[in-house]
């Protein structure tokens, strides 16, 4: 079976600080369920640029473990947002690593969005992530999980992935996913 999380080609994803703030504000608004939305920006020399973020309602039956864009809002974005460049959702209980459900859902919108971001509350797994040599953005500055945050916000880590087509082989291609995710460097600009 195809490798569903590729790491052989490095892509840089740039994000404006204002877009990052919109993402973290959205995650802070609902710590007990996955939040989701679309990333607006453009492809540019040297990487892809996220200029802004538009939140969408999560209408999944189990929003703590899954996300499902509100279909009306999603279709409106697809037709009205000429600068749609990616999607975002959060994992309130786990690291910002694509789940098998995420990879399965990717097949529905992979052709429309070259960027896929996942955000998670920063917790003790941050050390584990650093061991994986991921280059993710975090608004966590050496806080510990028992610290009190005076502005009542939770620190988050956001992981960036590029959506890439699966290379087709001569084997039975009907069983292969059309799109995979490649870990990408995420940087502020």
N, C-alpha and C. Protein backbone atom coordinates (compact mmCIF):
# COMPACT_ATOMS: atom_id res chain seq x y z
N UNK A 1 0.83 -1.18 0.00
CA UNK A 1 0.00 0.00 0.00
C UNK A 1 0.88 1.25 0.00
N UNK A 2 0.39 2.33 -0.54
CA UNK A 2 1.15 3.58 -0.63
C UNK A 2 1.42 4.15 0.75
N UNK A 3 2.57 4.84 0.86
CA UNK A 3 2.91 5.54 2.10
C UNK A 3 1.99 6.76 2.20
N UNK A 4 1.17 6.81 3.24
CA UNK A 4 0.18 7.87 3.34
C UNK A 4 0.70 9.17 3.93
N UNK A 5 1.89 9.17 4.47
CA UNK A 5 2.48 10.39 4.99
C UNK A 5 3.90 10.49 4.45
N UNK A 6 4.05 11.18 3.34
CA UNK A 6 5.34 11.27 2.65
C UNK A 6 6.21 12.33 3.29
N UNK A 7 7.52 12.11 3.25
CA UNK A 7 8.46 13.09 3.79
C UNK A 7 9.65 13.28 2.86
N UNK A 8 9.55 12.85 1.62
CA UNK A 8 10.72 12.89 0.73
C UNK A 8 10.96 14.25 0.07
N UNK A 9 9.96 15.11 -0.03
CA UNK A 9 10.14 16.43 -0.62
C UNK A 9 9.69 17.48 0.38
N UNK A 10 10.57 18.40 0.71
CA UNK A 10 10.25 19.43 1.70
C UNK A 10 9.61 20.63 1.03
N UNK A 11 8.51 21.09 1.58
CA UNK A 11 7.82 22.28 1.11
C UNK A 11 7.68 23.22 2.30
N UNK A 12 7.84 24.50 2.07
CA UNK A 12 7.66 25.47 3.14
C UNK A 12 6.30 26.13 2.98
N UNK A 13 5.58 26.20 4.08
CA UNK A 13 4.30 26.89 4.14
C UNK A 13 4.50 28.10 5.04
N UNK A 14 4.22 29.28 4.51
CA UNK A 14 4.35 30.52 5.27
C UNK A 14 2.96 30.94 5.74
N UNK A 15 2.87 31.46 6.96
CA UNK A 15 1.59 31.91 7.49
C UNK A 15 1.76 33.28 8.14
N UNK A 16 0.84 34.17 7.84
CA UNK A 16 0.86 35.51 8.45
C UNK A 16 0.52 35.36 9.94
N UNK A 17 1.13 36.17 10.79
CA UNK A 17 0.80 36.14 12.21
C UNK A 17 -0.69 36.37 12.49
N UNK A 18 -1.33 37.22 11.69
CA UNK A 18 -2.76 37.47 11.89
C UNK A 18 -3.58 36.22 11.58
N UNK A 19 -3.19 35.46 10.58
CA UNK A 19 -3.90 34.20 10.27
C UNK A 19 -3.67 33.19 11.38
N UNK A 20 -2.44 33.12 11.90
CA UNK A 20 -2.15 32.22 13.01
C UNK A 20 -2.99 32.59 14.23
N UNK A 21 -3.15 33.87 14.47
CA UNK A 21 -3.97 34.32 15.61
C UNK A 21 -5.43 33.92 15.41
N UNK A 22 -5.94 34.03 14.19
CA UNK A 22 -7.32 33.60 13.92
C UNK A 22 -7.48 32.10 14.20
N UNK A 23 -6.48 31.30 13.81
CA UNK A 23 -6.54 29.85 14.07
C UNK A 23 -6.56 29.56 15.58
N UNK A 24 -5.65 30.19 16.31
CA UNK A 24 -5.58 29.90 17.74
C UNK A 24 -6.81 30.44 18.48
N UNK A 25 -7.34 31.58 18.05
CA UNK A 25 -8.58 32.08 18.65
C UNK A 25 -9.72 31.10 18.42
N UNK A 26 -9.78 30.54 17.22
CA UNK A 26 -10.83 29.58 16.92
C UNK A 26 -10.68 28.32 17.78
N UNK A 27 -9.45 27.84 17.95
CA UNK A 27 -9.24 26.67 18.80
C UNK A 27 -9.61 26.98 20.25
N UNK A 28 -9.26 28.17 20.72
CA UNK A 28 -9.61 28.56 22.09
C UNK A 28 -11.11 28.69 22.31
N UNK A 29 -11.84 28.95 21.25
CA UNK A 29 -13.30 29.10 21.38
C UNK A 29 -14.01 27.77 21.62
N UNK A 30 -13.31 26.67 21.36
CA UNK A 30 -13.95 25.36 21.52
C UNK A 30 -12.89 24.30 21.81
N UNK A 31 -12.46 24.25 23.06
CA UNK A 31 -11.42 23.30 23.45
C UNK A 31 -11.92 21.86 23.55
N UNK A 32 -13.24 21.69 23.59
CA UNK A 32 -13.79 20.34 23.77
C UNK A 32 -14.27 19.69 22.48
N UNK A 33 -14.02 20.33 21.34
CA UNK A 33 -14.39 19.70 20.07
C UNK A 33 -13.42 20.17 18.98
N UNK A 34 -13.39 19.40 17.90
CA UNK A 34 -12.56 19.79 16.77
C UNK A 34 -13.18 21.02 16.11
N UNK A 35 -12.34 22.00 15.81
CA UNK A 35 -12.78 23.15 15.03
C UNK A 35 -12.20 23.00 13.64
N UNK A 36 -12.80 23.68 12.68
CA UNK A 36 -12.34 23.53 11.30
C UNK A 36 -12.59 24.81 10.52
N UNK A 37 -11.88 24.94 9.42
CA UNK A 37 -12.05 26.10 8.56
C UNK A 37 -11.17 26.00 7.34
N UNK A 38 -11.17 27.08 6.57
CA UNK A 38 -10.39 27.11 5.34
C UNK A 38 -9.28 28.14 5.43
N UNK A 39 -8.21 27.86 4.73
CA UNK A 39 -7.04 28.74 4.67
C UNK A 39 -7.08 29.49 3.35
N UNK A 40 -6.84 30.78 3.42
CA UNK A 40 -6.88 31.62 2.23
C UNK A 40 -5.49 32.17 1.98
N UNK A 41 -5.05 32.13 0.74
CA UNK A 41 -3.71 32.59 0.42
C UNK A 41 -3.37 32.35 -1.03
N UNK A 42 -2.08 32.06 -1.26
CA UNK A 42 -1.64 31.88 -2.65
C UNK A 42 -0.36 31.06 -2.68
N UNK A 43 -0.11 30.47 -3.83
CA UNK A 43 1.17 29.82 -4.07
C UNK A 43 2.15 30.89 -4.49
N UNK A 44 3.38 30.77 -4.03
CA UNK A 44 4.40 31.76 -4.35
C UNK A 44 5.73 31.05 -4.51
N UNK A 45 6.67 31.75 -5.11
CA UNK A 45 8.01 31.19 -5.25
C UNK A 45 8.56 30.88 -3.86
N UNK A 46 9.11 29.72 -3.70
CA UNK A 46 9.70 29.33 -2.42
C UNK A 46 8.73 28.74 -1.43
N UNK A 47 7.46 28.59 -1.79
CA UNK A 47 6.49 28.00 -0.87
C UNK A 47 5.08 28.51 -1.10
N UNK A 48 4.23 28.19 -0.16
CA UNK A 48 2.84 28.62 -0.22
C UNK A 48 2.60 29.58 0.94
N UNK A 49 1.74 30.58 0.72
CA UNK A 49 1.51 31.61 1.73
C UNK A 49 0.06 31.63 2.18
N UNK A 50 -0.13 31.50 3.50
CA UNK A 50 -1.47 31.60 4.08
C UNK A 50 -1.64 33.04 4.55
N UNK A 51 -2.60 33.74 3.95
CA UNK A 51 -2.84 35.14 4.26
C UNK A 51 -3.90 35.30 5.34
N UNK A 52 -4.90 34.41 5.36
CA UNK A 52 -6.01 34.55 6.29
C UNK A 52 -6.66 33.19 6.56
N UNK A 53 -7.61 33.21 7.44
CA UNK A 53 -8.32 31.99 7.86
C UNK A 53 -9.80 32.33 8.01
N UNK A 54 -10.64 31.43 7.53
CA UNK A 54 -12.09 31.57 7.67
C UNK A 54 -12.62 30.33 8.37
N UNK A 55 -13.22 30.52 9.54
CA UNK A 55 -13.73 29.37 10.27
C UNK A 55 -15.05 28.89 9.66
N UNK A 56 -15.24 27.58 9.72
CA UNK A 56 -16.47 26.94 9.28
C UNK A 56 -17.04 26.14 10.45
N UNK A 57 -18.33 25.92 10.43
CA UNK A 57 -18.96 25.12 11.48
C UNK A 57 -18.62 23.64 11.29
N UNK A 58 -18.34 22.97 12.41
CA UNK A 58 -18.12 21.52 12.41
C UNK A 58 -19.47 20.88 12.70
N UNK A 59 -20.00 20.12 11.73
CA UNK A 59 -21.31 19.48 11.91
C UNK A 59 -21.18 17.96 12.08
N UNK A 60 -20.00 17.49 12.46
CA UNK A 60 -19.79 16.05 12.67
C UNK A 60 -20.65 15.58 13.84
N UNK A 61 -21.19 14.35 13.74
CA UNK A 61 -21.98 13.81 14.85
C UNK A 61 -21.16 13.66 16.15
N UNK A 62 -19.86 13.43 16.03
CA UNK A 62 -18.98 13.29 17.18
C UNK A 62 -17.85 14.32 17.05
N UNK A 63 -18.13 15.61 17.34
CA UNK A 63 -17.14 16.66 17.08
C UNK A 63 -15.90 16.60 17.97
N UNK A 64 -15.91 15.80 19.02
CA UNK A 64 -14.71 15.66 19.84
C UNK A 64 -13.63 14.89 19.09
N UNK A 65 -14.04 13.98 18.20
CA UNK A 65 -13.09 13.10 17.51
C UNK A 65 -13.07 13.27 16.00
N UNK A 66 -13.96 14.06 15.44
CA UNK A 66 -14.05 14.19 13.98
C UNK A 66 -14.45 15.61 13.60
N UNK A 67 -14.17 15.95 12.35
CA UNK A 67 -14.70 17.20 11.82
C UNK A 67 -15.38 16.93 10.50
N UNK A 68 -16.40 17.71 10.23
CA UNK A 68 -17.14 17.65 8.97
C UNK A 68 -17.60 19.08 8.70
N UNK A 69 -17.10 19.65 7.60
CA UNK A 69 -17.50 21.01 7.26
C UNK A 69 -19.01 21.09 7.08
N UNK A 70 -19.59 22.20 7.54
CA UNK A 70 -20.98 22.47 7.21
C UNK A 70 -21.05 22.51 5.68
N UNK A 71 -21.89 21.66 5.06
CA UNK A 71 -21.87 21.56 3.59
C UNK A 71 -22.18 22.88 2.87
N UNK A 72 -23.08 23.67 3.42
CA UNK A 72 -23.43 24.94 2.77
C UNK A 72 -22.24 25.90 2.83
N UNK A 73 -21.61 25.99 4.00
CA UNK A 73 -20.44 26.88 4.14
C UNK A 73 -19.28 26.40 3.27
N UNK A 74 -19.06 25.09 3.19
CA UNK A 74 -17.98 24.53 2.39
C UNK A 74 -18.19 24.84 0.91
N UNK A 75 -19.40 24.61 0.40
CA UNK A 75 -19.68 24.87 -1.02
C UNK A 75 -19.53 26.36 -1.31
N UNK A 76 -20.01 27.21 -0.40
CA UNK A 76 -19.83 28.65 -0.59
C UNK A 76 -18.35 29.01 -0.71
N UNK A 77 -17.53 28.43 0.15
CA UNK A 77 -16.08 28.70 0.08
C UNK A 77 -15.50 28.25 -1.25
N UNK A 78 -15.90 27.08 -1.69
CA UNK A 78 -15.36 26.55 -2.95
C UNK A 78 -15.70 27.44 -4.14
N UNK A 79 -16.87 28.08 -4.11
CA UNK A 79 -17.27 28.91 -5.22
C UNK A 79 -16.94 30.39 -5.04
N UNK A 80 -16.88 30.86 -3.79
CA UNK A 80 -16.71 32.30 -3.56
C UNK A 80 -15.30 32.71 -3.18
N UNK A 81 -14.51 31.81 -2.66
CA UNK A 81 -13.16 32.15 -2.22
C UNK A 81 -12.15 31.79 -3.31
N UNK A 82 -11.77 32.78 -4.10
CA UNK A 82 -10.83 32.51 -5.19
C UNK A 82 -9.43 32.19 -4.68
N UNK A 83 -9.16 32.53 -3.43
CA UNK A 83 -7.83 32.28 -2.86
C UNK A 83 -7.82 31.13 -1.86
N UNK A 84 -8.76 30.20 -2.00
CA UNK A 84 -8.79 28.99 -1.16
C UNK A 84 -7.53 28.18 -1.43
N UNK A 85 -6.73 27.97 -0.38
CA UNK A 85 -5.46 27.27 -0.56
C UNK A 85 -5.32 26.06 0.37
N UNK A 86 -6.20 25.94 1.37
CA UNK A 86 -6.05 24.82 2.27
C UNK A 86 -7.16 24.70 3.27
N UNK A 87 -7.04 23.66 4.10
CA UNK A 87 -8.00 23.45 5.17
C UNK A 87 -7.26 23.32 6.50
N UNK A 88 -8.00 23.53 7.56
CA UNK A 88 -7.47 23.42 8.91
C UNK A 88 -8.51 22.72 9.78
N UNK A 89 -8.03 21.92 10.71
CA UNK A 89 -8.87 21.42 11.79
C UNK A 89 -8.01 21.13 13.00
N UNK A 90 -8.65 20.96 14.13
CA UNK A 90 -7.90 20.74 15.36
C UNK A 90 -8.10 19.32 15.87
N UNK A 91 -7.15 18.89 16.68
CA UNK A 91 -7.21 17.63 17.42
C UNK A 91 -7.17 18.00 18.90
N UNK A 92 -8.31 18.12 19.56
CA UNK A 92 -8.29 18.58 20.95
C UNK A 92 -7.65 17.60 21.94
N UNK A 93 -7.57 16.33 21.58
CA UNK A 93 -7.05 15.32 22.51
C UNK A 93 -5.78 14.63 22.06
N UNK A 94 -5.24 15.01 20.92
CA UNK A 94 -4.06 14.30 20.42
C UNK A 94 -3.14 15.24 19.66
N UNK A 95 -1.98 14.73 19.31
CA UNK A 95 -0.98 15.50 18.57
C UNK A 95 -1.48 15.87 17.18
N UNK A 96 -0.91 16.91 16.58
CA UNK A 96 -1.33 17.35 15.24
C UNK A 96 -0.77 16.48 14.13
N UNK A 97 -1.09 15.21 14.21
CA UNK A 97 -0.66 14.22 13.22
C UNK A 97 -1.91 13.67 12.56
N UNK A 98 -1.94 13.56 11.23
CA UNK A 98 -3.15 13.09 10.55
C UNK A 98 -3.58 11.70 11.02
N UNK A 99 -4.85 11.59 11.35
CA UNK A 99 -5.41 10.29 11.73
C UNK A 99 -5.80 9.54 10.46
N UNK A 100 -6.15 8.28 10.61
CA UNK A 100 -6.60 7.51 9.45
C UNK A 100 -7.88 8.12 8.87
N UNK A 101 -8.74 8.67 9.74
CA UNK A 101 -9.95 9.35 9.26
C UNK A 101 -9.58 10.59 8.46
N UNK A 102 -8.60 11.35 8.94
CA UNK A 102 -8.15 12.54 8.20
C UNK A 102 -7.67 12.16 6.81
N UNK A 103 -6.88 11.10 6.73
CA UNK A 103 -6.35 10.66 5.43
C UNK A 103 -7.45 10.15 4.52
N UNK A 104 -8.46 9.54 5.09
CA UNK A 104 -9.59 9.07 4.29
C UNK A 104 -10.39 10.26 3.76
N UNK A 105 -10.66 11.26 4.64
CA UNK A 105 -11.42 12.44 4.22
C UNK A 105 -10.65 13.29 3.21
N UNK A 106 -9.33 13.23 3.26
CA UNK A 106 -8.50 14.00 2.34
C UNK A 106 -8.87 13.72 0.89
N UNK A 107 -9.31 12.52 0.60
CA UNK A 107 -9.64 12.15 -0.77
C UNK A 107 -10.79 12.99 -1.34
N UNK A 108 -11.63 13.54 -0.46
CA UNK A 108 -12.77 14.34 -0.90
C UNK A 108 -12.39 15.75 -1.34
N UNK A 109 -11.33 16.31 -0.79
CA UNK A 109 -10.99 17.69 -1.12
C UNK A 109 -9.53 17.90 -1.47
N UNK A 110 -8.77 16.85 -1.64
CA UNK A 110 -7.35 16.97 -1.96
C UNK A 110 -7.06 17.74 -3.23
N UNK A 111 -7.92 17.62 -4.22
CA UNK A 111 -7.70 18.31 -5.49
C UNK A 111 -7.89 19.81 -5.37
N UNK A 112 -8.62 20.27 -4.35
CA UNK A 112 -8.93 21.68 -4.19
C UNK A 112 -7.94 22.44 -3.31
N UNK A 113 -7.21 21.73 -2.46
CA UNK A 113 -6.43 22.40 -1.43
C UNK A 113 -5.03 21.81 -1.30
N UNK A 114 -3.99 22.59 -1.62
CA UNK A 114 -2.63 22.08 -1.50
C UNK A 114 -2.05 22.11 -0.08
N UNK A 115 -2.76 22.77 0.88
CA UNK A 115 -2.27 22.86 2.25
C UNK A 115 -3.26 22.23 3.21
N UNK A 116 -2.70 21.54 4.22
CA UNK A 116 -3.52 20.88 5.25
C UNK A 116 -2.84 21.15 6.59
N UNK A 117 -3.51 21.90 7.47
CA UNK A 117 -2.97 22.19 8.79
C UNK A 117 -3.79 21.51 9.87
N UNK A 118 -3.10 21.07 10.92
CA UNK A 118 -3.76 20.49 12.08
C UNK A 118 -3.20 21.19 13.32
N UNK A 119 -4.08 21.60 14.22
CA UNK A 119 -3.66 22.23 15.46
C UNK A 119 -4.07 21.40 16.65
N UNK A 120 -3.27 21.48 17.72
CA UNK A 120 -3.54 20.74 18.95
C UNK A 120 -3.08 21.55 20.14
N UNK A 121 -3.77 21.36 21.28
CA UNK A 121 -3.26 22.00 22.50
C UNK A 121 -1.85 21.49 22.79
N UNK A 122 -0.96 22.38 23.15
CA UNK A 122 0.41 21.99 23.48
C UNK A 122 0.42 21.33 24.85
N UNK A 123 0.91 20.10 24.89
CA UNK A 123 0.96 19.34 26.13
C UNK A 123 2.29 18.59 26.19
N UNK A 124 2.36 17.58 27.01
CA UNK A 124 3.62 16.85 27.20
C UNK A 124 4.10 16.15 25.94
N UNK A 125 3.24 15.94 24.95
CA UNK A 125 3.70 15.26 23.73
C UNK A 125 4.58 16.16 22.87
N UNK A 126 4.72 17.45 23.22
CA UNK A 126 5.57 18.34 22.44
C UNK A 126 6.99 17.80 22.38
N UNK A 127 7.49 17.28 23.51
CA UNK A 127 8.84 16.71 23.51
C UNK A 127 8.96 15.56 22.53
N UNK A 128 7.93 14.73 22.45
CA UNK A 128 7.92 13.61 21.52
C UNK A 128 7.95 14.11 20.07
N UNK A 129 7.19 15.15 19.80
CA UNK A 129 7.15 15.71 18.44
C UNK A 129 8.52 16.25 18.06
N UNK A 130 9.18 16.95 18.97
CA UNK A 130 10.49 17.49 18.67
C UNK A 130 11.46 16.36 18.36
N UNK A 131 11.27 15.22 18.98
CA UNK A 131 12.12 14.07 18.70
C UNK A 131 11.91 13.57 17.28
N UNK A 132 10.74 13.81 16.73
CA UNK A 132 10.45 13.41 15.35
C UNK A 132 11.02 14.41 14.34
N UNK A 133 11.64 15.49 14.85
CA UNK A 133 12.27 16.51 14.01
C UNK A 133 11.26 17.22 13.11
N UNK A 134 10.04 17.40 13.60
CA UNK A 134 9.04 18.15 12.86
C UNK A 134 9.30 19.63 13.07
N UNK A 135 9.07 20.43 12.07
CA UNK A 135 9.23 21.88 12.19
C UNK A 135 7.86 22.51 12.21
N UNK A 136 7.27 22.56 13.40
CA UNK A 136 5.92 23.06 13.56
C UNK A 136 5.94 24.37 14.31
N UNK A 137 4.90 25.14 14.12
CA UNK A 137 4.77 26.42 14.82
C UNK A 137 4.04 26.17 16.13
N UNK A 138 4.54 26.79 17.17
CA UNK A 138 3.89 26.68 18.47
C UNK A 138 3.90 28.05 19.13
N UNK A 139 2.79 28.38 19.78
CA UNK A 139 2.79 29.61 20.58
C UNK A 139 3.10 29.26 22.02
N UNK A 140 3.72 28.12 22.22
CA UNK A 140 4.13 27.66 23.54
C UNK A 140 5.58 28.07 23.77
N UNK A 141 5.85 28.75 24.84
CA UNK A 141 7.21 29.19 25.15
C UNK A 141 7.64 28.60 26.48
N UNK A 142 8.02 27.35 26.49
CA UNK A 142 8.49 26.65 27.67
C UNK A 142 7.48 26.68 28.82
N UNK A 143 6.19 26.68 28.50
CA UNK A 143 5.17 26.56 29.54
C UNK A 143 5.05 25.09 29.93
N UNK A 144 4.57 24.85 31.09
CA UNK A 144 4.26 23.49 31.51
C UNK A 144 2.75 23.36 31.58
N UNK A 145 2.26 22.14 31.51
CA UNK A 145 0.82 21.92 31.45
C UNK A 145 0.09 22.46 32.68
N UNK A 146 0.79 22.64 33.80
CA UNK A 146 0.12 23.14 35.00
C UNK A 146 0.25 24.65 35.16
N UNK A 147 0.85 25.34 34.18
CA UNK A 147 0.95 26.80 34.25
C UNK A 147 -0.43 27.42 34.12
N UNK A 148 -0.58 28.58 34.68
CA UNK A 148 -1.82 29.34 34.54
C UNK A 148 -1.60 30.38 33.44
N UNK A 149 -2.51 30.47 32.51
CA UNK A 149 -2.40 31.41 31.41
C UNK A 149 -3.28 32.61 31.72
N UNK A 150 -2.67 33.77 32.01
CA UNK A 150 -3.44 34.92 32.48
C UNK A 150 -4.49 35.40 31.50
N UNK A 151 -4.29 35.21 30.21
CA UNK A 151 -5.29 35.65 29.25
C UNK A 151 -6.31 34.56 28.94
N UNK A 152 -6.31 33.50 29.72
CA UNK A 152 -7.27 32.38 29.60
C UNK A 152 -7.21 31.72 28.23
N UNK A 153 -6.04 31.67 27.66
CA UNK A 153 -5.88 30.98 26.39
C UNK A 153 -4.99 29.77 26.58
N UNK A 154 -5.21 28.79 25.78
CA UNK A 154 -4.44 27.55 25.79
C UNK A 154 -3.35 27.68 24.75
N UNK A 155 -2.11 27.28 25.04
CA UNK A 155 -1.08 27.27 24.00
C UNK A 155 -1.33 26.13 23.01
N UNK A 156 -1.02 26.38 21.75
CA UNK A 156 -1.27 25.39 20.70
C UNK A 156 -0.03 25.15 19.86
N UNK A 157 0.00 24.00 19.23
CA UNK A 157 0.99 23.67 18.23
C UNK A 157 0.25 23.39 16.93
N UNK A 158 0.76 23.91 15.82
CA UNK A 158 0.12 23.72 14.52
C UNK A 158 1.12 23.06 13.58
N UNK A 159 0.70 21.97 12.97
CA UNK A 159 1.54 21.22 12.03
C UNK A 159 1.06 21.48 10.61
N UNK A 160 2.03 21.63 9.70
CA UNK A 160 1.71 21.88 8.30
C UNK A 160 2.03 20.70 7.41
N UNK A 161 1.15 20.44 6.47
CA UNK A 161 1.33 19.35 5.51
C UNK A 161 0.96 19.86 4.13
N UNK A 162 1.66 19.36 3.12
CA UNK A 162 1.31 19.63 1.73
C UNK A 162 0.53 18.45 1.21
N UNK A 163 -0.51 18.73 0.44
CA UNK A 163 -1.31 17.69 -0.19
C UNK A 163 -0.66 17.37 -1.52
N UNK A 164 -0.33 16.11 -1.73
CA UNK A 164 0.31 15.71 -2.99
C UNK A 164 -0.42 14.52 -3.59
N UNK A 165 -0.45 14.45 -4.92
CA UNK A 165 -1.08 13.28 -5.56
C UNK A 165 -0.26 12.03 -5.29
N UNK A 166 -0.95 10.91 -5.15
CA UNK A 166 -0.28 9.63 -4.97
C UNK A 166 0.27 9.17 -6.32
N UNK A 167 1.54 8.79 -6.38
CA UNK A 167 2.07 8.26 -7.64
C UNK A 167 1.35 6.97 -7.99
N UNK A 168 0.87 6.88 -9.21
CA UNK A 168 0.17 5.68 -9.66
C UNK A 168 1.19 4.65 -10.14
N UNK A 169 0.90 3.40 -9.85
CA UNK A 169 1.76 2.30 -10.28
C UNK A 169 0.97 1.38 -11.20
N UNK A 170 1.63 0.35 -11.68
CA UNK A 170 0.96 -0.60 -12.57
C UNK A 170 0.08 -1.58 -11.81
N UNK A 171 0.11 -1.54 -10.47
CA UNK A 171 -0.72 -2.45 -9.69
C UNK A 171 -2.16 -1.96 -9.66
N UNK A 172 -2.97 -2.57 -8.87
CA UNK A 172 -4.38 -2.23 -8.78
C UNK A 172 -4.54 -0.83 -8.17
N UNK A 173 -4.73 0.18 -9.01
CA UNK A 173 -4.82 1.57 -8.54
C UNK A 173 -6.16 1.89 -7.92
N UNK A 174 -7.17 1.07 -8.05
CA UNK A 174 -8.47 1.36 -7.46
C UNK A 174 -8.42 1.31 -5.94
N UNK A 175 -7.40 0.65 -5.37
CA UNK A 175 -7.28 0.56 -3.92
C UNK A 175 -6.39 1.66 -3.33
N UNK A 176 -5.70 2.41 -4.18
CA UNK A 176 -4.80 3.44 -3.69
C UNK A 176 -5.54 4.75 -3.45
N UNK A 177 -5.17 5.50 -2.41
CA UNK A 177 -5.74 6.83 -2.25
C UNK A 177 -5.20 7.76 -3.34
N UNK A 178 -5.98 8.76 -3.71
CA UNK A 178 -5.56 9.71 -4.73
C UNK A 178 -4.56 10.73 -4.20
N UNK A 179 -4.66 11.04 -2.89
CA UNK A 179 -3.82 12.07 -2.30
C UNK A 179 -3.19 11.58 -1.01
N UNK A 180 -1.98 12.09 -0.75
CA UNK A 180 -1.27 11.80 0.48
C UNK A 180 -0.84 13.14 1.09
N UNK A 181 -0.30 13.08 2.29
CA UNK A 181 0.19 14.28 2.96
C UNK A 181 1.69 14.19 3.13
N UNK A 182 2.35 15.29 2.90
CA UNK A 182 3.80 15.40 3.07
C UNK A 182 4.05 16.43 4.17
N UNK A 183 4.82 16.05 5.17
CA UNK A 183 5.16 16.97 6.24
C UNK A 183 5.89 18.18 5.66
N UNK A 184 5.51 19.38 6.11
CA UNK A 184 6.09 20.61 5.59
C UNK A 184 6.55 21.51 6.73
N UNK A 185 7.51 22.36 6.42
CA UNK A 185 7.95 23.36 7.37
C UNK A 185 6.92 24.49 7.37
N UNK A 186 6.54 24.94 8.55
CA UNK A 186 5.56 26.01 8.71
C UNK A 186 6.29 27.19 9.36
N UNK A 187 6.25 28.36 8.68
CA UNK A 187 6.97 29.54 9.17
C UNK A 187 6.10 30.77 9.09
N UNK A 188 6.32 31.67 10.04
CA UNK A 188 5.65 32.97 10.00
C UNK A 188 6.30 33.85 8.94
N UNK A 189 5.52 34.74 8.32
CA UNK A 189 6.10 35.74 7.40
C UNK A 189 5.45 37.09 7.61
